[in-house]
Amino acid sequence: MSAGISPEAETRVSADLIEWADVVLVMEKVHRRKLNERFKPHLKAKKLVVLDIRDDYGFMDPELVRILKMKVPRCVDL
């Protein structure tokens, strides 16, 4: 599932989504910081991974999809 921290995100990150997740992946370190600021108690038992991908790609951008296919399997059991 994909969710964002921006008010414009189609699906916004919530405490419920974090509780549901086994692993939380973020694109940039700033996203990790913002999640920690907003949801620290809910993240304590979660694996939180920074993918180190610039967050300036459009939705389903082919280059972003390629990068995600390379990085995400290293972080989660698929």
PDB file of N, CA and C in Angstrom:
ATOM      1  N   MET A   1       0.844  -1.171   0.000  1.00  0.00           N
ATOM      2  CA  MET A   1       0.000   0.000   0.000  1.00  0.00           C
ATOM      3  C   MET A   1       0.885   1.228   0.000  1.00  0.00           C
ATOM      4  N   SER A   2       0.448   2.257  -0.663  1.00  0.00           N
ATOM      5  CA  SER A   2       1.166   3.517  -0.709  1.00  0.00           C
ATOM      6  C   SER A   2       0.363   4.584   0.020  1.00  0.00           C
ATOM      7  N   ALA A   3       1.052   5.372   0.822  1.00  0.00           N
ATOM      8  CA  ALA A   3       0.416   6.484   1.519  1.00  0.00           C
ATOM      9  C   ALA A   3       1.445   7.596   1.642  1.00  0.00           C
ATOM     10  N   GLY A   4       0.957   8.821   1.728  1.00  0.00           N
ATOM     11  CA  GLY A   4       1.864   9.954   1.788  1.00  0.00           C
ATOM     12  C   GLY A   4       1.668  10.785   3.038  1.00  0.00           C
ATOM     13  N   ILE A   5       2.644  11.640   3.294  1.00  0.00           N
ATOM     14  CA  ILE A   5       2.565  12.527   4.446  1.00  0.00           C
ATOM     15  C   ILE A   5       2.027  13.899   4.070  1.00  0.00           C
ATOM     16  N   SER A   6       1.953  14.163   2.791  1.00  0.00           N
ATOM     17  CA  SER A   6       1.468  15.449   2.305  1.00  0.00           C
ATOM     18  C   SER A   6      -0.051  15.551   2.461  1.00  0.00           C
ATOM     19  N   PRO A   7      -0.554  16.741   2.763  1.00  0.00           N
ATOM     20  CA  PRO A   7      -2.015  16.920   2.827  1.00  0.00           C
ATOM     21  C   PRO A   7      -2.704  16.612   1.496  1.00  0.00           C
ATOM     22  N   GLU A   8      -1.961  16.691   0.393  1.00  0.00           N
ATOM     23  CA  GLU A   8      -2.528  16.413  -0.929  1.00  0.00           C
ATOM     24  C   GLU A   8      -2.498  14.927  -1.296  1.00  0.00           C
ATOM     25  N   ALA A   9      -1.904  14.100  -0.462  1.00  0.00           N
ATOM     26  CA  ALA A   9      -1.785  12.670  -0.767  1.00  0.00           C
ATOM     27  C   ALA A   9      -3.167  12.038  -0.887  1.00  0.00           C
ATOM     28  N   GLU A  10      -3.312  11.175  -1.882  1.00  0.00           N
ATOM     29  CA  GLU A  10      -4.584  10.478  -2.068  1.00  0.00           C
ATOM     30  C   GLU A  10      -4.937   9.652  -0.839  1.00  0.00           C
ATOM     31  N   THR A  11      -3.951   8.927  -0.318  1.00  0.00           N
ATOM     32  CA  THR A  11      -4.095   8.194   0.944  1.00  0.00           C
ATOM     33  C   THR A  11      -3.049   8.754   1.895  1.00  0.00           C
ATOM     34  N   ARG A  12      -3.481   9.280   3.018  1.00  0.00           N
ATOM     35  CA  ARG A  12      -2.558   9.875   3.980  1.00  0.00           C
ATOM     36  C   ARG A  12      -2.135   8.840   5.016  1.00  0.00           C
ATOM     37  N   VAL A  13      -0.890   8.936   5.431  1.00  0.00           N
ATOM     38  CA  VAL A  13      -0.385   8.073   6.489  1.00  0.00           C
ATOM     39  C   VAL A  13      -1.191   8.352   7.759  1.00  0.00           C
ATOM     40  N   SER A  14      -1.534   7.278   8.453  1.00  0.00           N
ATOM     41  CA  SER A  14      -2.275   7.402   9.709  1.00  0.00           C
ATOM     42  C   SER A  14      -1.706   6.408  10.716  1.00  0.00           C
ATOM     43  N   ALA A  15      -2.053   6.596  11.963  1.00  0.00           N
ATOM     44  CA  ALA A  15      -1.630   5.652  13.004  1.00  0.00           C
ATOM     45  C   ALA A  15      -2.157   4.256  12.683  1.00  0.00           C
ATOM     46  N   ASP A  16      -3.383   4.168  12.184  1.00  0.00           N
ATOM     47  CA  ASP A  16      -3.956   2.864  11.832  1.00  0.00           C
ATOM     48  C   ASP A  16      -3.157   2.167  10.743  1.00  0.00           C
ATOM     49  N   LEU A  17      -2.737   2.906   9.722  1.00  0.00           N
ATOM     50  CA  LEU A  17      -1.940   2.300   8.649  1.00  0.00           C
ATOM     51  C   LEU A  17      -0.589   1.826   9.172  1.00  0.00           C
ATOM     52  N   ILE A  18       0.026   2.609  10.029  1.00  0.00           N
ATOM     53  CA  ILE A  18       1.311   2.198  10.591  1.00  0.00           C
ATOM     54  C   ILE A  18       1.140   0.948  11.448  1.00  0.00           C
ATOM     55  N   GLU A  19       0.100   0.907  12.243  1.00  0.00           N
ATOM     56  CA  GLU A  19      -0.169  -0.286  13.060  1.00  0.00           C
ATOM     57  C   GLU A  19      -0.368  -1.512  12.176  1.00  0.00           C
ATOM     58  N   TRP A  20      -1.017  -1.346  11.038  1.00  0.00           N
ATOM     59  CA  TRP A  20      -1.297  -2.440  10.102  1.00  0.00           C
ATOM     60  C   TRP A  20      -0.018  -2.955   9.435  1.00  0.00           C
ATOM     61  N   ALA A  21       0.927  -2.067   9.176  1.00  0.00           N
ATOM     62  CA  ALA A  21       2.121  -2.393   8.389  1.00  0.00           C
ATOM     63  C   ALA A  21       3.111  -3.258   9.158  1.00  0.00           C
ATOM     64  N   ASP A  22       3.772  -4.137   8.433  1.00  0.00           N
ATOM     65  CA  ASP A  22       4.891  -4.893   8.984  1.00  0.00           C
ATOM     66  C   ASP A  22       6.187  -4.093   8.841  1.00  0.00           C
ATOM     67  N   VAL A  23       6.323  -3.410   7.702  1.00  0.00           N
ATOM     68  CA  VAL A  23       7.503  -2.605   7.385  1.00  0.00           C
ATOM     69  C   VAL A  23       7.005  -1.277   6.822  1.00  0.00           C
ATOM     70  N   VAL A  24       7.658  -0.197   7.214  1.00  0.00           N
ATOM     71  CA  VAL A  24       7.318   1.121   6.681  1.00  0.00           C
ATOM     72  C   VAL A  24       8.511   1.591   5.850  1.00  0.00           C
ATOM     73  N   LEU A  25       8.263   1.858   4.573  1.00  0.00           N
ATOM     74  CA  LEU A  25       9.299   2.329   3.663  1.00  0.00           C
ATOM     75  C   LEU A  25       9.044   3.797   3.357  1.00  0.00           C
ATOM     76  N   VAL A  26      10.101   4.594   3.396  1.00  0.00           N
ATOM     77  CA  VAL A  26       9.999   6.000   3.022  1.00  0.00           C
ATOM     78  C   VAL A  26      11.044   6.298   1.959  1.00  0.00           C
ATOM     79  N   MET A  27      10.770   7.323   1.179  1.00  0.00           N
ATOM     80  CA  MET A  27      11.670   7.672   0.087  1.00  0.00           C
ATOM     81  C   MET A  27      12.928   8.380   0.605  1.00  0.00           C
ATOM     82  N   GLU A  28      12.751   9.357   1.501  1.00  0.00           N
ATOM     83  CA  GLU A  28      13.858  10.204   1.929  1.00  0.00           C
ATOM     84  C   GLU A  28      13.943  10.292   3.458  1.00  0.00           C
ATOM     85  N   LYS A  29      15.096  10.717   3.950  1.00  0.00           N
ATOM     86  CA  LYS A  29      15.298  10.864   5.391  1.00  0.00           C
ATOM     87  C   LYS A  29      14.324  11.865   6.001  1.00  0.00           C
ATOM     88  N   VAL A  30      13.979  12.893   5.257  1.00  0.00           N
ATOM     89  CA  VAL A  30      13.027  13.881   5.765  1.00  0.00           C
ATOM     90  C   VAL A  30      11.669  13.237   6.038  1.00  0.00           C
ATOM     91  N   HIS A  31      11.299  12.234   5.247  1.00  0.00           N
ATOM     92  CA  HIS A  31      10.032  11.525   5.470  1.00  0.00           C
ATOM     93  C   HIS A  31      10.094  10.726   6.775  1.00  0.00           C
ATOM     94  N   ARG A  32      11.232  10.102   7.029  1.00  0.00           N
ATOM     95  CA  ARG A  32      11.408   9.365   8.291  1.00  0.00           C
ATOM     96  C   ARG A  32      11.268  10.319   9.476  1.00  0.00           C
ATOM     97  N   ARG A  33      11.900  11.478   9.370  1.00  0.00           N
ATOM     98  CA  ARG A  33      11.826  12.467  10.446  1.00  0.00           C
ATOM     99  C   ARG A  33      10.381  12.909  10.678  1.00  0.00           C
ATOM    100  N   LYS A  34       9.654  13.193   9.610  1.00  0.00           N
ATOM    101  CA  LYS A  34       8.269  13.639   9.759  1.00  0.00           C
ATOM    102  C   LYS A  34       7.386  12.547  10.346  1.00  0.00           C
ATOM    103  N   LEU A  35       7.602  11.299   9.917  1.00  0.00           N
ATOM    104  CA  LEU A  35       6.821  10.202  10.501  1.00  0.00           C
ATOM    105  C   LEU A  35       7.127  10.054  11.984  1.00  0.00           C
ATOM    106  N   ASN A  36       8.403  10.144  12.343  1.00  0.00           N
ATOM    107  CA  ASN A  36       8.774  10.050  13.759  1.00  0.00           C
ATOM    108  C   ASN A  36       8.157  11.176  14.579  1.00  0.00           C
ATOM    109  N   GLU A  37       8.107  12.372  14.013  1.00  0.00           N
ATOM    110  CA  GLU A  37       7.499  13.501  14.723  1.00  0.00           C
ATOM    111  C   GLU A  37       6.007  13.264  14.965  1.00  0.00           C
ATOM    112  N   ARG A  38       5.329  12.691  13.989  1.00  0.00           N
ATOM    113  CA  ARG A  38       3.871  12.548  14.063  1.00  0.00           C
ATOM    114  C   ARG A  38       3.409  11.234  14.691  1.00  0.00           C
ATOM    115  N   PHE A  39       4.199  10.167  14.511  1.00  0.00           N
ATOM    116  CA  PHE A  39       3.714   8.824  14.875  1.00  0.00           C
ATOM    117  C   PHE A  39       4.714   8.011  15.693  1.00  0.00           C
ATOM    118  N   LYS A  40       5.600   8.666  16.406  1.00  0.00           N
ATOM    119  CA  LYS A  40       6.670   7.961  17.121  1.00  0.00           C
ATOM    120  C   LYS A  40       6.179   6.772  17.956  1.00  0.00           C
ATOM    121  N   PRO A  41       5.124   6.907  18.759  1.00  0.00           N
ATOM    122  CA  PRO A  41       4.692   5.757  19.563  1.00  0.00           C
ATOM    123  C   PRO A  41       4.267   4.548  18.718  1.00  0.00           C
ATOM    124  N   HIS A  42       3.764   4.808  17.533  1.00  0.00           N
ATOM    125  CA  HIS A  42       3.286   3.723  16.665  1.00  0.00           C
ATOM    126  C   HIS A  42       4.422   3.072  15.874  1.00  0.00           C
ATOM    127  N   LEU A  43       5.552   3.738  15.799  1.00  0.00           N
ATOM    128  CA  LEU A  43       6.683   3.231  15.017  1.00  0.00           C
ATOM    129  C   LEU A  43       7.677   2.420  15.843  1.00  0.00           C
ATOM    130  N   LYS A  44       7.516   2.407  17.159  1.00  0.00           N
ATOM    131  CA  LYS A  44       8.515   1.765  18.030  1.00  0.00           C
ATOM    132  C   LYS A  44       8.801   0.317  17.661  1.00  0.00           C
ATOM    133  N   ALA A  45       7.796  -0.450  17.307  1.00  0.00           N
ATOM    134  CA  ALA A  45       7.990  -1.871  17.016  1.00  0.00           C
ATOM    135  C   ALA A  45       8.056  -2.157  15.516  1.00  0.00           C
ATOM    136  N   LYS A  46       8.210  -1.110  14.714  1.00  0.00           N
ATOM    137  CA  LYS A  46       8.188  -1.270  13.263  1.00  0.00           C
ATOM    138  C   LYS A  46       9.581  -1.155  12.669  1.00  0.00           C
ATOM    139  N   LYS A  47       9.785  -1.850  11.584  1.00  0.00           N
ATOM    140  CA  LYS A  47      10.991  -1.676  10.785  1.00  0.00           C
ATOM    141  C   LYS A  47      10.719  -0.490   9.863  1.00  0.00           C
ATOM    142  N   LEU A  48      11.519   0.560   9.966  1.00  0.00           N
ATOM    143  CA  LEU A  48      11.366   1.767   9.149  1.00  0.00           C
ATOM    144  C   LEU A  48      12.610   1.901   8.277  1.00  0.00           C
ATOM    145  N   VAL A  49      12.413   1.878   6.970  1.00  0.00           N
ATOM    146  CA  VAL A  49      13.523   1.858   6.024  1.00  0.00           C
ATOM    147  C   VAL A  49      13.473   3.096   5.132  1.00  0.00           C
ATOM    148  N   VAL A  50      14.605   3.784   5.016  1.00  0.00           N
ATOM    149  CA  VAL A  50      14.733   4.899   4.083  1.00  0.00           C
ATOM    150  C   VAL A  50      15.326   4.347   2.789  1.00  0.00           C
ATOM    151  N   LEU A  51      14.605   4.514   1.682  1.00  0.00           N
ATOM    152  CA  LEU A  51      15.057   3.983   0.394  1.00  0.00           C
ATOM    153  C   LEU A  51      16.079   4.882  -0.295  1.00  0.00           C
ATOM    154  N   ASP A  52      16.248   6.104   0.178  1.00  0.00           N
ATOM    155  CA  ASP A  52      17.158   7.073  -0.447  1.00  0.00           C
ATOM    156  C   ASP A  52      16.832   7.279  -1.920  1.00  0.00           C
ATOM    157  N   ILE A  53      15.573   7.608  -2.177  1.00  0.00           N
ATOM    158  CA  ILE A  53      15.092   7.924  -3.523  1.00  0.00           C
ATOM    159  C   ILE A  53      14.517   9.334  -3.458  1.00  0.00           C
ATOM    160  N   ARG A  54      14.968  10.200  -4.343  1.00  0.00           N
ATOM    161  CA  ARG A  54      14.409  11.558  -4.402  1.00  0.00           C
ATOM    162  C   ARG A  54      12.895  11.476  -4.588  1.00  0.00           C
ATOM    163  N   ASP A  55      12.182  12.282  -3.872  1.00  0.00           N
ATOM    164  CA  ASP A  55      10.718  12.268  -3.969  1.00  0.00           C
ATOM    165  C   ASP A  55      10.255  13.328  -4.960  1.00  0.00           C
ATOM    166  N   ASP A  56      10.715  13.193  -6.201  1.00  0.00           N
ATOM    167  CA  ASP A  56      10.285  14.150  -7.224  1.00  0.00           C
ATOM    168  C   ASP A  56       9.822  13.461  -8.505  1.00  0.00           C
ATOM    169  N   TYR A  57       9.453  12.197  -8.393  1.00  0.00           N
ATOM    170  CA  TYR A  57       8.927  11.451  -9.536  1.00  0.00           C
ATOM    171  C   TYR A  57       7.410  11.567  -9.570  1.00  0.00           C
ATOM    172  N   GLY A  58       6.852  11.500 -10.767  1.00  0.00           N
ATOM    173  CA  GLY A  58       5.406  11.452 -10.914  1.00  0.00           C
ATOM    174  C   GLY A  58       4.881  10.059 -10.601  1.00  0.00           C
ATOM    175  N   PHE A  59       3.579   9.972 -10.412  1.00  0.00           N
ATOM    176  CA  PHE A  59       2.930   8.695 -10.121  1.00  0.00           C
ATOM    177  C   PHE A  59       3.228   7.690 -11.227  1.00  0.00           C
ATOM    178  N   MET A  60       3.733   6.530 -10.825  1.00  0.00           N
ATOM    179  CA  MET A  60       4.051   5.418 -11.736  1.00  0.00           C
ATOM    180  C   MET A  60       5.091   5.783 -12.797  1.00  0.00           C
ATOM    181  N   ASP A  61       5.942   6.739 -12.506  1.00  0.00           N
ATOM    182  CA  ASP A  61       7.028   7.093 -13.414  1.00  0.00           C
ATOM    183  C   ASP A  61       7.854   5.832 -13.660  1.00  0.00           C
ATOM    184  N   PRO A  62       8.116   5.487 -14.914  1.00  0.00           N
ATOM    185  CA  PRO A  62       8.850   4.251 -15.209  1.00  0.00           C
ATOM    186  C   PRO A  62      10.208   4.153 -14.505  1.00  0.00           C
ATOM    187  N   GLU A  63      10.913   5.261 -14.384  1.00  0.00           N
ATOM    188  CA  GLU A  63      12.211   5.228 -13.701  1.00  0.00           C
ATOM    189  C   GLU A  63      12.033   4.946 -12.212  1.00  0.00           C
ATOM    190  N   LEU A  64      11.015   5.533 -11.593  1.00  0.00           N
ATOM    191  CA  LEU A  64      10.729   5.261 -10.186  1.00  0.00           C
ATOM    192  C   LEU A  64      10.353   3.796  -9.992  1.00  0.00           C
ATOM    193  N   VAL A  65       9.529   3.273 -10.855  1.00  0.00           N
ATOM    194  CA  VAL A  65       9.124   1.862 -10.761  1.00  0.00           C
ATOM    195  C   VAL A  65      10.358   0.963 -10.853  1.00  0.00           C
ATOM    196  N   ARG A  66      11.263   1.287 -11.762  1.00  0.00           N
ATOM    197  CA  ARG A  66      12.493   0.498 -11.931  1.00  0.00           C
ATOM    198  C   ARG A  66      13.319   0.529 -10.636  1.00  0.00           C
ATOM    199  N   ILE A  67      13.474   1.711 -10.054  1.00  0.00           N
ATOM    200  CA  ILE A  67      14.258   1.854  -8.828  1.00  0.00           C
ATOM    201  C   ILE A  67      13.592   1.093  -7.680  1.00  0.00           C
ATOM    202  N   LEU A  68      12.282   1.231  -7.559  1.00  0.00           N
ATOM    203  CA  LEU A  68      11.556   0.528  -6.493  1.00  0.00           C
ATOM    204  C   LEU A  68      11.682  -0.986  -6.636  1.00  0.00           C
ATOM    205  N   LYS A  69      11.589  -1.488  -7.862  1.00  0.00           N
ATOM    206  CA  LYS A  69      11.724  -2.935  -8.085  1.00  0.00           C
ATOM    207  C   LYS A  69      13.102  -3.432  -7.679  1.00  0.00           C
ATOM    208  N   MET A  70      14.077  -2.561  -7.750  1.00  0.00           N
ATOM    209  CA  MET A  70      15.432  -2.936  -7.366  1.00  0.00           C
ATOM    210  C   MET A  70      15.622  -2.854  -5.839  1.00  0.00           C
ATOM    211  N   LYS A  71      15.077  -1.822  -5.204  1.00  0.00           N
ATOM    212  CA  LYS A  71      15.360  -1.573  -3.790  1.00  0.00           C
ATOM    213  C   LYS A  71      14.400  -2.257  -2.817  1.00  0.00           C
ATOM    214  N   VAL A  72      13.124  -2.301  -3.137  1.00  0.00           N
ATOM    215  CA  VAL A  72      12.134  -2.791  -2.172  1.00  0.00           C
ATOM    216  C   VAL A  72      12.348  -4.257  -1.799  1.00  0.00           C
ATOM    217  N   PRO A  73      12.619  -5.160  -2.747  1.00  0.00           N
ATOM    218  CA  PRO A  73      12.803  -6.567  -2.335  1.00  0.00           C
ATOM    219  C   PRO A  73      13.920  -6.779  -1.321  1.00  0.00           C
ATOM    220  N   ARG A  74      14.894  -5.902  -1.291  1.00  0.00           N
ATOM    221  CA  ARG A  74      15.990  -6.009  -0.310  1.00  0.00           C
ATOM    222  C   ARG A  74      15.504  -5.693   1.107  1.00  0.00           C
ATOM    223  N   CYS A  75      14.377  -4.983   1.189  1.00  0.00           N
ATOM    224  CA  CYS A  75      13.883  -4.493   2.492  1.00  0.00           C
ATOM    225  C   CYS A  75      12.758  -5.317   3.072  1.00  0.00           C
ATOM    226  N   VAL A  76      12.076  -6.060   2.241  1.00  0.00           N
ATOM    227  CA  VAL A  76      10.907  -6.814   2.697  1.00  0.00           C
ATOM    228  C   VAL A  76      10.931  -8.217   2.096  1.00  0.00           C
ATOM    229  N   ASP A  77      10.244  -9.122   2.752  1.00  0.00           N
ATOM    230  CA  ASP A  77      10.107 -10.468   2.208  1.00  0.00           C
ATOM    231  C   ASP A  77       8.909 -10.494   1.279  1.00  0.00           C
ATOM    232  N   LEU A  78       9.163 -10.595  -0.013  1.00  0.00           N
ATOM    233  CA  LEU A  78       8.074 -10.650  -0.998  1.00  0.00           C
ATOM    234  C   LEU A  78       7.873 -12.051  -1.501  1.00  0.00           C
TER     235      LEU A  78
END
